[in-house]
Amino acid sequence: MTPSLDDLYRAAIRLHQQGRGSEAAALYDRILSEQPRHAGALHLKGVLALQAGDYEGAIALIQQSLAIEPKHGLAMANLGVAYRSLSRFDEAIVWLRKALVLDPNSPMVLANLGQAVSRAILHAREPADRFRAAAMAFFRYYADNPRDLDLGFYLFRGGMKPHGLGKERDETLNAALEAALHPIAEAGQALGARREEAKLLMVDTFAHAAGLLLLAHTGRIRMFGASAPHLMERFVRSTIATLIEKQKK
């Protein structure tokens, strides 16, 4: 009896999970020879390429998969990882953000996003440029993903008591979010702030961004005829100027 495509696909996935990549690839190829637009086989063949270090090949295959099944969050995340592996950070962030829209509580996606953002920030050479890039990247992320803003408060529990997503997931989310914030503290130290001051500066930047984003997302900022991005940029400029002035003293 000839196995169906579904049977072949399940068998390929089992082989893939067992680490038998060449055998899984052969079955993915067999499936694609019969059904070239099989989104799952294209995606997982792309994952095999990603695992083998063939990042360009992974991108090509996963893009084909997404052209067929455009709302596949895991494929979006894997595409982001492939771009990140090639140091194409802007494209990595785009796809990881799209994946987050479909699954905003995914620890894997948040961790990858945090790493992509952090590494992208490192391309800024001067401390002031690094601080500006880190603060604005953090702000823009939540501006583009308003549904994720509540997750940001997991870093600073204080008087706010979120319901939580489970201890292990909370810890992973916290680590991913802190990775996005930590470059702010590092840049603050490079601008002359002491370690504890730099940590407070990170919290201050978070609080300022969160306040502006809440005003923006609720529409309240229109009462003042103001722009949240412009106000955030002004805060960043003012903070950098204050740090530079302290260095002179």
Protein backbone atom coordinates (compact mmCIF):
# COMPACT_ATOMS: atom_id res chain seq x y z
CA MET A 1 0.00 0.00 0.00
CA THR A 2 1.41 3.36 -1.04
CA PRO A 3 1.65 5.77 1.91
CA SER A 4 -0.30 9.00 1.66
CA LEU A 5 1.38 12.40 1.72
CA ASP A 6 0.13 12.89 5.27
CA ASP A 7 1.77 9.60 6.28
CA LEU A 8 5.01 10.62 4.62
CA TYR A 9 4.90 14.02 6.30
CA ARG A 10 4.37 12.52 9.75
CA ALA A 11 7.21 10.07 9.12
CA ALA A 12 9.50 12.91 7.98
CA ILE A 13 8.74 14.90 11.12
CA ARG A 14 9.53 11.88 13.32
CA LEU A 15 12.87 11.39 11.56
CA HIS A 16 13.59 15.12 11.87
CA GLN A 17 12.86 15.05 15.61
CA GLN A 18 15.14 12.02 16.01
CA GLY A 19 18.02 13.93 14.44
CA ARG A 20 18.00 11.84 11.24
CA GLY A 21 18.17 14.88 9.00
CA SER A 22 19.24 13.26 5.73
CA GLU A 23 16.41 10.73 5.91
CA ALA A 24 13.91 13.46 6.80
CA ALA A 25 15.17 15.58 3.89
CA ALA A 26 14.65 12.67 1.50
CA LEU A 27 11.02 12.39 2.60
CA TYR A 28 10.48 16.16 2.38
CA ASP A 29 11.84 16.01 -1.17
CA ARG A 30 9.55 13.09 -1.99
CA ILE A 31 6.55 15.03 -0.69
CA LEU A 32 7.54 18.13 -2.67
CA SER A 33 8.00 16.11 -5.85
CA GLU A 34 4.33 15.13 -5.58
CA GLN A 35 3.04 18.39 -4.08
CA PRO A 36 5.45 21.29 -4.74
CA ARG A 37 3.27 23.68 -2.73
CA HIS A 38 3.33 21.66 0.49
CA ALA A 39 3.94 24.48 2.99
CA GLY A 40 4.90 22.20 5.86
CA ALA A 41 7.54 20.30 3.90
CA LEU A 42 9.00 23.53 2.54
CA HIS A 43 9.17 25.05 6.02
CA LEU A 44 10.74 22.02 7.68
CA LYS A 45 13.19 21.49 4.84
CA GLY A 46 14.12 25.13 5.47
CA VAL A 47 14.57 24.34 9.17
CA LEU A 48 16.94 21.50 8.20
CA ALA A 49 18.92 23.99 6.12
CA LEU A 50 18.95 26.40 9.06
CA GLN A 51 20.23 23.69 11.39
CA ALA A 52 22.94 22.80 8.88
CA GLY A 53 24.13 26.42 8.64
CA ASP A 54 22.77 26.99 5.13
CA TYR A 55 21.05 30.25 6.05
CA GLU A 56 20.45 31.48 2.50
CA GLY A 57 18.89 28.15 1.59
CA ALA A 58 16.75 28.28 4.73
CA ILE A 59 15.49 31.75 3.85
CA ALA A 60 14.56 30.71 0.32
CA LEU A 61 12.63 27.65 1.48
CA ILE A 62 10.84 29.29 4.39
CA GLN A 63 9.85 32.24 2.20
CA GLN A 64 8.28 29.78 -0.24
CA SER A 65 6.41 28.19 2.65
CA LEU A 66 5.11 31.56 3.86
CA ALA A 67 3.97 32.48 0.36
CA ILE A 68 1.63 29.48 0.60
CA GLU A 69 0.75 29.73 4.30
CA PRO A 70 1.34 33.38 5.24
CA LYS A 71 0.09 33.18 8.85
CA HIS A 72 2.43 30.47 10.09
CA GLY A 73 3.99 32.00 13.20
CA LEU A 74 6.72 29.41 13.69
CA ALA A 75 7.83 29.77 10.07
CA MET A 76 8.02 33.55 10.58
CA ALA A 77 10.13 33.04 13.70
CA ASN A 78 12.47 30.63 11.93
CA LEU A 79 12.83 33.06 9.04
CA GLY A 80 13.78 35.73 11.57
CA VAL A 81 16.38 33.40 13.08
CA ALA A 82 17.85 32.71 9.62
CA TYR A 83 18.16 36.44 8.90
CA ARG A 84 19.70 37.00 12.32
CA SER A 85 22.27 34.29 11.62
CA LEU A 86 23.35 36.26 8.54
CA SER A 87 23.59 39.47 10.63
CA ARG A 88 20.67 40.89 8.61
CA PHE A 89 19.18 42.29 11.80
CA ASP A 90 16.59 44.68 10.36
CA GLU A 91 14.96 41.83 8.42
CA ALA A 92 15.23 39.54 11.45
CA ILE A 93 13.36 42.05 13.59
CA VAL A 94 10.61 42.47 10.97
CA TRP A 95 9.86 38.74 10.86
CA LEU A 96 10.20 38.15 14.58
CA ARG A 97 7.77 41.01 15.21
CA LYS A 98 5.29 39.46 12.76
CA ALA A 99 5.61 36.16 14.63
CA LEU A 100 4.92 37.96 17.91
CA VAL A 101 1.66 39.37 16.53
CA LEU A 102 0.43 35.79 16.10
CA ASP A 103 1.82 34.57 19.43
CA PRO A 104 2.75 37.49 21.70
CA ASN A 105 3.51 35.20 24.65
CA SER A 106 5.97 32.97 22.83
CA PRO A 107 9.18 32.81 24.88
CA MET A 108 11.19 31.55 21.91
CA VAL A 109 10.10 34.44 19.73
CA LEU A 110 10.67 37.01 22.48
CA ALA A 111 14.13 35.65 23.17
CA ASN A 112 15.05 35.80 19.50
CA LEU A 113 13.64 39.29 19.18
CA GLY A 114 15.57 40.51 22.18
CA GLN A 115 18.78 39.09 20.78
CA ALA A 116 18.20 40.57 17.34
CA VAL A 117 17.45 44.00 18.76
CA SER A 118 20.43 43.91 21.10
CA ARG A 119 22.82 42.91 18.35
CA ALA A 120 21.45 45.52 15.99
CA ILE A 121 22.08 48.19 18.61
CA LEU A 122 25.74 47.22 18.84
CA HIS A 123 26.36 48.69 15.37
CA ALA A 124 26.11 52.17 16.89
CA ARG A 125 29.72 53.17 17.69
CA GLU A 126 29.57 56.12 20.06
CA PRO A 127 28.04 55.78 23.56
CA ALA A 128 25.47 58.50 22.83
CA ASP A 129 24.47 56.75 19.60
CA ARG A 130 24.19 53.42 21.43
CA PHE A 131 21.98 54.95 24.11
CA ARG A 132 19.77 56.60 21.50
CA ALA A 133 19.54 53.41 19.41
CA ALA A 134 18.74 51.24 22.44
CA ALA A 135 16.10 53.56 23.91
CA MET A 136 14.37 54.22 20.59
CA ALA A 137 14.52 50.56 19.52
CA PHE A 138 12.78 49.61 22.76
CA PHE A 139 10.18 52.35 22.30
CA ARG A 140 9.55 51.47 18.63
CA TYR A 141 9.11 47.80 19.44
CA TYR A 142 6.22 48.49 21.78
CA ALA A 143 4.85 51.22 19.51
CA ASP A 144 4.63 48.61 16.75
CA ASN A 145 3.33 45.86 19.06
CA PRO A 146 0.86 47.49 21.47
CA ARG A 147 -0.58 44.15 22.58
CA ASP A 148 2.81 43.24 24.04
CA LEU A 149 3.12 46.34 26.21
CA ASP A 150 1.71 44.54 29.26
CA LEU A 151 4.53 41.98 29.09
CA GLY A 152 7.03 44.76 29.65
CA PHE A 153 5.77 45.27 33.19
CA TYR A 154 7.01 41.80 34.13
CA LEU A 155 10.47 43.28 34.63
CA PHE A 156 9.37 45.78 37.26
CA ARG A 157 6.75 44.23 39.48
CA GLY A 158 6.74 46.93 42.17
CA GLY A 159 3.16 47.82 43.00
CA MET A 160 1.83 46.26 39.81
CA LYS A 161 0.96 42.61 40.17
CA PRO A 162 0.55 40.83 36.82
CA HIS A 163 -1.26 37.52 36.82
CA GLY A 164 1.75 35.71 35.37
CA LEU A 165 2.14 33.09 32.69
CA GLY A 166 3.78 30.41 34.83
CA LYS A 167 7.16 30.61 36.60
CA GLU A 168 9.29 29.14 33.82
CA ARG A 169 7.66 31.23 31.09
CA ASP A 170 7.83 34.38 33.22
CA GLU A 171 11.56 33.88 33.73
CA THR A 172 12.14 33.42 30.02
CA LEU A 173 10.07 36.48 29.16
CA ASN A 174 11.90 38.52 31.78
CA ALA A 175 15.27 37.49 30.38
CA ALA A 176 14.23 38.35 26.82
CA LEU A 177 12.82 41.73 27.81
CA GLU A 178 15.83 42.55 29.96
CA ALA A 179 18.05 41.82 26.97
CA ALA A 180 16.25 44.59 25.11
CA LEU A 181 16.70 47.00 28.03
CA HIS A 182 20.24 46.17 29.12
CA PRO A 183 21.99 48.06 26.28
CA ILE A 184 20.45 51.26 27.70
CA ALA A 185 22.26 50.71 31.00
CA GLU A 186 25.49 49.76 29.22
CA ALA A 187 25.38 52.92 27.12
CA GLY A 188 24.62 54.97 30.22
CA GLN A 189 27.75 53.62 31.90
CA ALA A 190 29.78 54.38 28.78
CA LEU A 191 28.47 57.95 29.04
CA GLY A 192 29.85 58.22 32.57
CA ALA A 193 27.03 57.01 34.81
CA ARG A 194 27.95 54.76 37.72
CA ARG A 195 26.56 51.23 37.62
CA GLU A 196 23.62 51.89 39.94
CA GLU A 197 22.87 55.18 38.19
CA ALA A 198 22.89 53.38 34.85
CA LYS A 199 20.43 50.80 36.18
CA LEU A 200 18.12 53.58 37.37
CA LEU A 201 18.51 55.24 33.99
CA MET A 202 17.31 52.01 32.37
CA VAL A 203 14.24 52.02 34.62
CA ASP A 204 13.64 55.72 33.96
CA THR A 205 13.78 55.14 30.21
CA PHE A 206 11.40 52.21 30.51
CA ALA A 207 8.97 54.25 32.61
CA HIS A 208 9.08 57.22 30.25
CA ALA A 209 8.54 55.01 27.20
CA ALA A 210 5.71 53.09 28.90
CA GLY A 211 3.93 56.30 29.92
CA LEU A 212 4.13 57.76 26.42
CA LEU A 213 3.02 54.49 24.84
CA LEU A 214 0.02 54.23 27.13
CA LEU A 215 -0.96 57.78 26.23
CA ALA A 216 -0.50 57.03 22.56
CA HIS A 217 -2.38 53.72 22.52
CA THR A 218 -5.32 55.12 24.49
CA GLY A 219 -5.45 58.22 22.30
CA ARG A 220 -5.03 60.51 25.33
CA ILE A 221 -1.93 62.10 23.87
CA ARG A 222 -4.10 63.84 21.28
CA MET A 223 -5.48 65.98 24.11
CA PHE A 224 -2.09 67.67 24.23
CA GLY A 225 -1.52 67.88 20.49
CA ALA A 226 1.71 65.94 21.02
CA SER A 227 3.54 63.07 19.35
CA ALA A 228 4.76 60.16 21.47
CA PRO A 229 7.79 59.40 19.23
CA HIS A 230 8.85 63.06 19.23
CA LEU A 231 8.51 63.28 23.01
CA MET A 232 10.51 60.08 23.41
CA GLU A 233 13.24 61.44 21.16
CA ARG A 234 13.28 64.67 23.19
CA PHE A 235 13.64 62.68 26.42
CA VAL A 236 16.53 60.71 24.94
CA ARG A 237 18.30 63.86 23.71
CA SER A 238 17.85 65.54 27.08
CA THR A 239 19.14 62.49 28.96
CA ILE A 240 22.22 62.22 26.74
CA ALA A 241 22.93 65.94 27.14
CA THR A 242 22.68 65.64 30.94
CA LEU A 243 25.07 62.68 31.02
CA ILE A 244 27.59 64.45 28.79
CA GLU A 245 27.40 67.58 30.91
CA LYS A 246 28.07 65.55 34.07
CA GLN A 247 31.16 64.08 32.43
CA LYS A 248 32.58 67.59 31.97
CA LYS A 249 32.38 68.39 35.66
